[in-house]
Amino acid sequence: MNCKQKLIAAIGAAAAAAVVPFVATHEGTVYRTYRDPIGIVTACTGHTGPELRMGQTFTREQCEAMLYQDLAQHADALACIRQPLTDGQRAAFLSFAFNLGEGAFCGSTLVRKANAGDMDGACAELSRWTYAGGKQLPGLVRRRAAERQLCEGGLA
């Protein structure tokens, strides 16, 4: 099973169809390594990892494969939520978990609220996560607003 199929199996076709372009839009795609706003070596569409070093370049196909692989891996974080999710909630929460990391996602108030059945409160929590490296970043403000809209019903 390839990474695209794994992602679809993990979150469903509709959520996968929403989250891939959503993340690509909000992360942007750069075909080389670069440092993100807080200094982490990053490549392609928000990919990070110990294998990256400054000066590497990538093809469109490599970047697309990395995105599907990263999203499929981060889809495991959705298991922290034990309540049923809409496709929009799955897409929004996966985008958030991908950006934040599985540990921070699973330990968040967002997950606690979702598991308590307060899905409106869980979606609202997205708006609180707009800081990186101690600074509020305009890109995160936009991304979280879009994730919240998706979570609150932007996808049936």
N, C-alpha and C. Protein backbone atom coordinates (compact mmCIF):
# COMPACT_ATOMS: atom_id res chain seq x y z
N MET A 1 0.85 -1.17 0.00
CA MET A 1 0.00 0.00 0.00
C MET A 1 0.90 1.24 0.00
N ASN A 2 0.65 2.17 -0.94
CA ASN A 2 1.47 3.38 -0.97
C ASN A 2 0.97 4.39 0.05
N CYS A 3 1.69 5.49 0.21
CA CYS A 3 1.37 6.47 1.25
C CYS A 3 0.02 7.15 1.02
N LYS A 4 -0.32 7.36 -0.22
CA LYS A 4 -1.63 7.96 -0.52
C LYS A 4 -2.74 7.01 -0.08
N GLN A 5 -2.60 5.74 -0.39
CA GLN A 5 -3.59 4.74 0.02
C GLN A 5 -3.65 4.61 1.54
N LYS A 6 -2.50 4.69 2.20
CA LYS A 6 -2.46 4.62 3.67
C LYS A 6 -3.21 5.80 4.28
N LEU A 7 -3.01 6.98 3.71
CA LEU A 7 -3.70 8.16 4.22
C LEU A 7 -5.21 8.01 4.06
N ILE A 8 -5.65 7.58 2.89
CA ILE A 8 -7.08 7.39 2.64
C ILE A 8 -7.65 6.32 3.59
N ALA A 9 -6.91 5.25 3.80
CA ALA A 9 -7.36 4.20 4.71
C ALA A 9 -7.47 4.73 6.14
N ALA A 10 -6.57 5.63 6.52
CA ALA A 10 -6.53 6.14 7.89
C ALA A 10 -7.63 7.16 8.18
N ILE A 11 -7.94 8.03 7.21
CA ILE A 11 -8.88 9.12 7.52
C ILE A 11 -10.07 9.20 6.59
N GLY A 12 -10.09 8.39 5.54
CA GLY A 12 -11.19 8.42 4.58
C GLY A 12 -10.87 9.28 3.38
N ALA A 13 -11.52 8.99 2.27
CA ALA A 13 -11.22 9.67 1.01
C ALA A 13 -11.57 11.15 1.05
N ALA A 14 -12.71 11.51 1.63
CA ALA A 14 -13.13 12.92 1.64
C ALA A 14 -12.19 13.76 2.50
N ALA A 15 -11.83 13.27 3.67
CA ALA A 15 -10.90 14.02 4.53
C ALA A 15 -9.53 14.11 3.88
N ALA A 16 -9.07 13.03 3.25
CA ALA A 16 -7.77 13.06 2.57
C ALA A 16 -7.79 14.05 1.41
N ALA A 17 -8.89 14.07 0.66
CA ALA A 17 -9.01 15.00 -0.47
C ALA A 17 -9.00 16.45 0.01
N ALA A 18 -9.45 16.69 1.23
CA ALA A 18 -9.44 18.05 1.78
C ALA A 18 -8.10 18.41 2.40
N VAL A 19 -7.48 17.49 3.14
CA VAL A 19 -6.30 17.84 3.93
C VAL A 19 -5.06 18.03 3.08
N VAL A 20 -4.91 17.28 2.00
CA VAL A 20 -3.69 17.39 1.19
C VAL A 20 -3.54 18.80 0.60
N PRO A 21 -4.52 19.31 -0.14
CA PRO A 21 -4.36 20.67 -0.66
C PRO A 21 -4.36 21.73 0.44
N PHE A 22 -5.09 21.47 1.53
CA PHE A 22 -5.12 22.41 2.65
C PHE A 22 -3.72 22.60 3.23
N VAL A 23 -3.06 21.49 3.55
CA VAL A 23 -1.72 21.56 4.12
C VAL A 23 -0.75 22.16 3.10
N ALA A 24 -0.86 21.76 1.85
CA ALA A 24 0.03 22.30 0.83
C ALA A 24 -0.11 23.82 0.72
N THR A 25 -1.33 24.31 0.80
CA THR A 25 -1.56 25.76 0.73
C THR A 25 -0.96 26.47 1.93
N HIS A 26 -1.16 25.92 3.12
CA HIS A 26 -0.71 26.61 4.32
C HIS A 26 0.76 26.40 4.64
N GLU A 27 1.33 25.31 4.21
CA GLU A 27 2.77 25.08 4.40
C GLU A 27 3.58 25.71 3.29
N GLY A 28 3.02 25.68 2.07
CA GLY A 28 3.81 26.07 0.90
C GLY A 28 4.74 24.91 0.55
N THR A 29 5.24 24.91 -0.65
CA THR A 29 6.18 23.86 -1.07
C THR A 29 7.44 24.50 -1.59
N VAL A 30 8.56 24.11 -1.01
CA VAL A 30 9.88 24.61 -1.40
C VAL A 30 10.71 23.38 -1.74
N TYR A 31 11.27 23.36 -2.93
CA TYR A 31 11.96 22.17 -3.44
C TYR A 31 13.42 22.07 -2.99
N ARG A 32 13.68 22.61 -1.82
CA ARG A 32 15.02 22.54 -1.24
C ARG A 32 14.87 22.63 0.28
N THR A 33 15.96 22.40 0.98
CA THR A 33 15.91 22.57 2.43
C THR A 33 16.01 24.06 2.76
N TYR A 34 15.35 24.41 3.85
CA TYR A 34 15.35 25.79 4.34
C TYR A 34 15.08 25.75 5.84
N ARG A 35 15.26 26.86 6.49
CA ARG A 35 14.94 26.94 7.92
C ARG A 35 13.57 27.58 8.08
N ASP A 36 12.71 26.92 8.87
CA ASP A 36 11.38 27.47 9.11
C ASP A 36 11.48 28.68 10.06
N PRO A 37 10.37 29.33 10.39
CA PRO A 37 10.45 30.55 11.21
C PRO A 37 11.11 30.39 12.57
N ILE A 38 11.19 29.15 13.07
CA ILE A 38 11.87 28.98 14.35
C ILE A 38 13.19 28.22 14.20
N GLY A 39 13.68 28.12 12.96
CA GLY A 39 15.02 27.59 12.72
C GLY A 39 15.14 26.11 12.44
N ILE A 40 14.04 25.41 12.32
CA ILE A 40 14.09 23.96 12.06
C ILE A 40 14.33 23.73 10.57
N VAL A 41 15.29 22.85 10.25
CA VAL A 41 15.56 22.51 8.85
C VAL A 41 14.35 21.76 8.31
N THR A 42 13.82 22.28 7.21
CA THR A 42 12.57 21.82 6.63
C THR A 42 12.75 21.70 5.12
N ALA A 43 11.93 20.86 4.50
CA ALA A 43 11.97 20.72 3.04
C ALA A 43 10.56 20.49 2.52
N CYS A 44 10.40 20.78 1.26
CA CYS A 44 9.16 20.46 0.54
C CYS A 44 7.96 21.13 1.20
N THR A 45 7.01 20.33 1.66
CA THR A 45 5.76 20.85 2.19
C THR A 45 5.72 20.62 3.70
N GLY A 46 6.64 21.25 4.40
CA GLY A 46 6.68 21.16 5.85
C GLY A 46 7.33 19.91 6.40
N HIS A 47 8.06 19.17 5.57
CA HIS A 47 8.73 17.95 6.03
C HIS A 47 9.94 18.31 6.87
N THR A 48 10.05 17.66 8.02
CA THR A 48 11.23 17.79 8.88
C THR A 48 11.74 16.40 9.19
N GLY A 49 12.97 16.31 9.57
CA GLY A 49 13.51 15.00 9.95
C GLY A 49 15.01 15.04 10.03
N PRO A 50 15.57 14.04 10.71
CA PRO A 50 17.02 14.00 10.92
C PRO A 50 17.81 13.78 9.64
N GLU A 51 17.15 13.30 8.58
CA GLU A 51 17.84 13.04 7.32
C GLU A 51 18.09 14.32 6.52
N LEU A 52 17.47 15.42 6.92
CA LEU A 52 17.62 16.66 6.17
C LEU A 52 18.86 17.42 6.58
N ARG A 53 19.50 18.04 5.59
CA ARG A 53 20.63 18.93 5.84
C ARG A 53 20.53 20.06 4.83
N MET A 54 21.01 21.20 5.20
CA MET A 54 20.94 22.36 4.32
C MET A 54 21.67 22.06 3.00
N GLY A 55 21.10 22.56 1.90
CA GLY A 55 21.71 22.38 0.59
C GLY A 55 21.06 21.28 -0.25
N GLN A 56 20.16 20.50 0.32
CA GLN A 56 19.49 19.45 -0.44
C GLN A 56 18.39 20.04 -1.34
N THR A 57 18.16 19.40 -2.47
CA THR A 57 17.07 19.78 -3.36
C THR A 57 16.21 18.56 -3.64
N PHE A 58 14.95 18.80 -4.04
CA PHE A 58 13.99 17.73 -4.23
C PHE A 58 13.14 18.01 -5.46
N THR A 59 12.59 16.95 -6.04
CA THR A 59 11.69 17.09 -7.18
C THR A 59 10.25 17.24 -6.67
N ARG A 60 9.36 17.62 -7.57
CA ARG A 60 7.94 17.72 -7.23
C ARG A 60 7.42 16.37 -6.75
N GLU A 61 7.82 15.31 -7.41
CA GLU A 61 7.38 13.97 -7.06
C GLU A 61 7.88 13.56 -5.67
N GLN A 62 9.14 13.87 -5.37
CA GLN A 62 9.67 13.56 -4.04
C GLN A 62 8.91 14.33 -2.96
N CYS A 63 8.63 15.59 -3.22
CA CYS A 63 7.91 16.41 -2.24
C CYS A 63 6.49 15.89 -2.04
N GLU A 64 5.84 15.51 -3.10
CA GLU A 64 4.48 14.98 -2.98
C GLU A 64 4.48 13.68 -2.17
N ALA A 65 5.44 12.82 -2.44
CA ALA A 65 5.54 11.56 -1.69
C ALA A 65 5.80 11.83 -0.21
N MET A 66 6.66 12.80 0.10
CA MET A 66 6.93 13.15 1.50
C MET A 66 5.67 13.65 2.19
N LEU A 67 4.88 14.47 1.49
CA LEU A 67 3.67 15.01 2.09
C LEU A 67 2.70 13.89 2.44
N TYR A 68 2.45 12.99 1.50
CA TYR A 68 1.54 11.88 1.78
C TYR A 68 2.07 11.01 2.92
N GLN A 69 3.37 10.76 2.92
CA GLN A 69 3.96 9.94 3.98
C GLN A 69 3.82 10.63 5.33
N ASP A 70 4.13 11.92 5.38
CA ASP A 70 4.03 12.67 6.64
C ASP A 70 2.59 12.70 7.15
N LEU A 71 1.64 12.95 6.26
CA LEU A 71 0.24 13.01 6.69
C LEU A 71 -0.24 11.63 7.15
N ALA A 72 0.15 10.58 6.45
CA ALA A 72 -0.25 9.23 6.85
C ALA A 72 0.32 8.91 8.24
N GLN A 73 1.56 9.30 8.50
CA GLN A 73 2.16 9.05 9.81
C GLN A 73 1.45 9.85 10.90
N HIS A 74 1.15 11.11 10.62
CA HIS A 74 0.49 11.96 11.62
C HIS A 74 -0.97 11.60 11.82
N ALA A 75 -1.57 10.87 10.88
CA ALA A 75 -2.96 10.44 11.04
C ALA A 75 -3.13 9.56 12.27
N ASP A 76 -2.07 8.90 12.70
CA ASP A 76 -2.12 8.09 13.92
C ASP A 76 -2.53 8.93 15.13
N ALA A 77 -2.19 10.21 15.12
CA ALA A 77 -2.52 11.09 16.24
C ALA A 77 -4.03 11.21 16.44
N LEU A 78 -4.79 11.04 15.38
CA LEU A 78 -6.24 11.16 15.49
C LEU A 78 -6.84 10.09 16.40
N ALA A 79 -6.10 9.00 16.62
CA ALA A 79 -6.57 7.95 17.53
C ALA A 79 -6.66 8.45 18.97
N CYS A 80 -6.02 9.58 19.27
CA CYS A 80 -6.12 10.17 20.62
C CYS A 80 -7.55 10.66 20.89
N ILE A 81 -8.28 10.93 19.84
CA ILE A 81 -9.67 11.38 20.00
C ILE A 81 -10.56 10.15 19.86
N ARG A 82 -11.33 9.91 20.90
CA ARG A 82 -12.16 8.71 20.96
C ARG A 82 -13.63 8.99 20.65
N GLN A 83 -13.91 10.12 20.07
CA GLN A 83 -15.27 10.47 19.66
C GLN A 83 -15.35 10.42 18.15
N PRO A 84 -16.54 10.22 17.60
CA PRO A 84 -16.68 10.25 16.14
C PRO A 84 -16.34 11.64 15.60
N LEU A 85 -15.70 11.68 14.45
CA LEU A 85 -15.31 12.95 13.83
C LEU A 85 -15.92 13.05 12.43
N THR A 86 -16.27 14.26 12.05
CA THR A 86 -16.70 14.51 10.68
C THR A 86 -15.45 14.52 9.80
N ASP A 87 -15.64 14.49 8.50
CA ASP A 87 -14.50 14.58 7.58
C ASP A 87 -13.76 15.90 7.78
N GLY A 88 -14.50 16.97 7.98
CA GLY A 88 -13.87 18.28 8.20
C GLY A 88 -13.05 18.31 9.47
N GLN A 89 -13.57 17.72 10.53
CA GLN A 89 -12.82 17.65 11.79
C GLN A 89 -11.57 16.80 11.62
N ARG A 90 -11.68 15.67 10.92
CA ARG A 90 -10.49 14.83 10.69
C ARG A 90 -9.44 15.61 9.91
N ALA A 91 -9.86 16.31 8.86
CA ALA A 91 -8.91 17.08 8.05
C ALA A 91 -8.27 18.20 8.88
N ALA A 92 -9.09 18.94 9.62
CA ALA A 92 -8.56 20.05 10.43
C ALA A 92 -7.61 19.56 11.50
N PHE A 93 -8.01 18.51 12.22
CA PHE A 93 -7.17 18.00 13.30
C PHE A 93 -5.89 17.35 12.76
N LEU A 94 -5.94 16.74 11.59
CA LEU A 94 -4.72 16.17 11.00
C LEU A 94 -3.77 17.29 10.58
N SER A 95 -4.29 18.35 9.98
CA SER A 95 -3.45 19.49 9.63
C SER A 95 -2.77 20.05 10.87
N PHE A 96 -3.54 20.17 11.94
CA PHE A 96 -3.04 20.69 13.20
C PHE A 96 -1.97 19.76 13.80
N ALA A 97 -2.27 18.46 13.83
CA ALA A 97 -1.31 17.49 14.38
C ALA A 97 -0.02 17.45 13.56
N PHE A 98 -0.15 17.56 12.24
CA PHE A 98 1.02 17.59 11.36
C PHE A 98 1.89 18.81 11.70
N ASN A 99 1.27 19.95 11.92
CA ASN A 99 1.99 21.18 12.18
C ASN A 99 2.58 21.20 13.59
N LEU A 100 1.88 20.60 14.53
CA LEU A 100 2.25 20.69 15.94
C LEU A 100 3.10 19.53 16.42
N GLY A 101 2.82 18.35 15.90
CA GLY A 101 3.46 17.13 16.38
C GLY A 101 2.47 16.30 17.18
N GLU A 102 2.63 14.99 17.09
CA GLU A 102 1.66 14.07 17.70
C GLU A 102 1.61 14.20 19.22
N GLY A 103 2.75 14.32 19.87
CA GLY A 103 2.76 14.41 21.33
C GLY A 103 2.03 15.64 21.84
N ALA A 104 2.32 16.78 21.26
CA ALA A 104 1.65 18.02 21.68
C ALA A 104 0.16 17.95 21.35
N PHE A 105 -0.17 17.38 20.20
CA PHE A 105 -1.58 17.24 19.83
C PHE A 105 -2.31 16.38 20.85
N CYS A 106 -1.79 15.18 21.12
CA CYS A 106 -2.48 14.25 22.00
C CYS A 106 -2.57 14.75 23.44
N GLY A 107 -1.65 15.60 23.85
CA GLY A 107 -1.68 16.15 25.20
C GLY A 107 -2.41 17.48 25.31
N SER A 108 -3.04 17.90 24.24
CA SER A 108 -3.65 19.24 24.21
C SER A 108 -5.04 19.29 24.84
N THR A 109 -5.42 20.49 25.23
CA THR A 109 -6.78 20.75 25.70
C THR A 109 -7.78 20.46 24.59
N LEU A 110 -7.40 20.69 23.35
CA LEU A 110 -8.27 20.38 22.21
C LEU A 110 -8.71 18.91 22.28
N VAL A 111 -7.78 18.00 22.47
CA VAL A 111 -8.10 16.58 22.53
C VAL A 111 -8.93 16.27 23.77
N ARG A 112 -8.61 16.89 24.89
CA ARG A 112 -9.41 16.66 26.11
C ARG A 112 -10.86 17.09 25.89
N LYS A 113 -11.05 18.25 25.26
CA LYS A 113 -12.41 18.73 24.99
C LYS A 113 -13.13 17.80 24.01
N ALA A 114 -12.45 17.38 22.97
CA ALA A 114 -13.06 16.47 21.99
C ALA A 114 -13.49 15.18 22.67
N ASN A 115 -12.63 14.63 23.51
CA ASN A 115 -12.95 13.37 24.18
C ASN A 115 -14.07 13.52 25.21
N ALA A 116 -14.29 14.74 25.69
CA ALA A 116 -15.39 15.01 26.61
C ALA A 116 -16.69 15.27 25.85
N GLY A 117 -16.62 15.22 24.52
CA GLY A 117 -17.80 15.44 23.70
C GLY A 117 -18.06 16.89 23.35
N ASP A 118 -17.13 17.78 23.72
CA ASP A 118 -17.27 19.21 23.42
C ASP A 118 -16.54 19.53 22.11
N MET A 119 -17.15 19.15 21.00
CA MET A 119 -16.49 19.34 19.70
C MET A 119 -16.41 20.82 19.33
N ASP A 120 -17.43 21.62 19.71
CA ASP A 120 -17.35 23.06 19.45
C ASP A 120 -16.16 23.66 20.19
N GLY A 121 -15.98 23.26 21.44
CA GLY A 121 -14.84 23.74 22.23
C GLY A 121 -13.52 23.27 21.66
N ALA A 122 -13.49 22.03 21.17
CA ALA A 122 -12.26 21.49 20.56
C ALA A 122 -11.89 22.30 19.33
N CYS A 123 -12.88 22.57 18.47
CA CYS A 123 -12.60 23.37 17.27
C CYS A 123 -12.12 24.77 17.65
N ALA A 124 -12.72 25.36 18.68
CA ALA A 124 -12.33 26.70 19.12
C ALA A 124 -10.89 26.73 19.63
N GLU A 125 -10.42 25.62 20.18
CA GLU A 125 -9.03 25.56 20.69
C GLU A 125 -8.01 25.83 19.59
N LEU A 126 -8.35 25.53 18.34
CA LEU A 126 -7.41 25.75 17.25
C LEU A 126 -6.93 27.20 17.21
N SER A 127 -7.83 28.12 17.53
CA SER A 127 -7.49 29.55 17.46
C SER A 127 -6.43 29.97 18.48
N ARG A 128 -6.19 29.15 19.47
CA ARG A 128 -5.21 29.49 20.51
C ARG A 128 -3.77 29.20 20.08
N TRP A 129 -3.58 28.37 19.07
CA TRP A 129 -2.26 27.87 18.70
C TRP A 129 -1.67 28.67 17.53
N THR A 130 -1.32 29.92 17.80
CA THR A 130 -0.83 30.81 16.74
C THR A 130 0.59 31.29 16.99
N TYR A 131 1.26 30.70 17.96
CA TYR A 131 2.60 31.12 18.33
C TYR A 131 3.62 30.04 18.00
N ALA A 132 4.80 30.46 17.60
CA ALA A 132 5.95 29.56 17.42
C ALA A 132 7.18 30.33 17.85
N GLY A 133 8.00 29.71 18.65
CA GLY A 133 9.20 30.37 19.13
C GLY A 133 8.88 31.61 19.96
N GLY A 134 7.72 31.61 20.63
CA GLY A 134 7.34 32.73 21.48
C GLY A 134 6.74 33.92 20.75
N LYS A 135 6.56 33.80 19.43
CA LYS A 135 6.02 34.90 18.64
C LYS A 135 4.75 34.46 17.93
N GLN A 136 3.77 35.37 17.89
CA GLN A 136 2.58 35.07 17.10
C GLN A 136 2.94 35.28 15.63
N LEU A 137 2.68 34.26 14.82
CA LEU A 137 3.02 34.31 13.40
C LEU A 137 1.76 34.50 12.56
N PRO A 138 1.75 35.50 11.67
CA PRO A 138 0.57 35.75 10.84
C PRO A 138 0.14 34.52 10.04
N GLY A 139 1.09 33.73 9.56
CA GLY A 139 0.75 32.52 8.83
C GLY A 139 0.00 31.51 9.69
N LEU A 140 0.38 31.41 10.97
CA LEU A 140 -0.33 30.50 11.87
C LEU A 140 -1.71 31.04 12.22
N VAL A 141 -1.85 32.35 12.33
CA VAL A 141 -3.17 32.93 12.58
C VAL A 141 -4.11 32.56 11.43
N ARG A 142 -3.64 32.73 10.19
CA ARG A 142 -4.45 32.38 9.01
C ARG A 142 -4.75 30.89 8.96
N ARG A 143 -3.73 30.08 9.20
CA ARG A 143 -3.92 28.63 9.14
C ARG A 143 -4.91 28.16 10.18
N ARG A 144 -4.77 28.62 11.42
CA ARG A 144 -5.68 28.18 12.48
C ARG A 144 -7.12 28.64 12.21
N ALA A 145 -7.28 29.84 11.66
CA ALA A 145 -8.64 30.30 11.31
C ALA A 145 -9.24 29.38 10.25
N ALA A 146 -8.44 28.99 9.28
CA ALA A 146 -8.92 28.10 8.22
C ALA A 146 -9.19 26.70 8.77
N GLU A 147 -8.32 26.20 9.66
CA GLU A 147 -8.56 24.90 10.29
C GLU A 147 -9.86 24.93 11.11
N ARG A 148 -10.05 26.01 11.82
CA ARG A 148 -11.26 26.12 12.65
C ARG A 148 -12.51 26.12 11.76
N GLN A 149 -12.47 26.83 10.66
CA GLN A 149 -13.60 26.86 9.75
C GLN A 149 -13.88 25.46 9.20
N LEU A 150 -12.83 24.75 8.84
CA LEU A 150 -12.96 23.38 8.35
C LEU A 150 -13.54 22.48 9.45
N CYS A 151 -13.05 22.66 10.66
CA CYS A 151 -13.49 21.87 11.80
C CYS A 151 -14.95 22.11 12.14
N GLU A 152 -15.37 23.35 12.02
CA GLU A 152 -16.73 23.73 12.43
C GLU A 152 -17.78 23.46 11.35
N GLY A 153 -17.37 22.85 10.26
CA GLY A 153 -18.38 22.48 9.29
C GLY A 153 -18.04 22.80 7.86
N GLY A 154 -16.78 23.11 7.60
CA GLY A 154 -16.37 23.45 6.24
C GLY A 154 -16.39 22.25 5.30
N LEU A 155 -16.56 21.05 5.83
CA LEU A 155 -16.62 19.83 5.03
C LEU A 155 -17.59 18.90 5.75
N ALA A 156 -18.61 18.47 5.08
CA ALA A 156 -19.67 17.66 5.74
C ALA A 156 -19.13 16.35 6.30
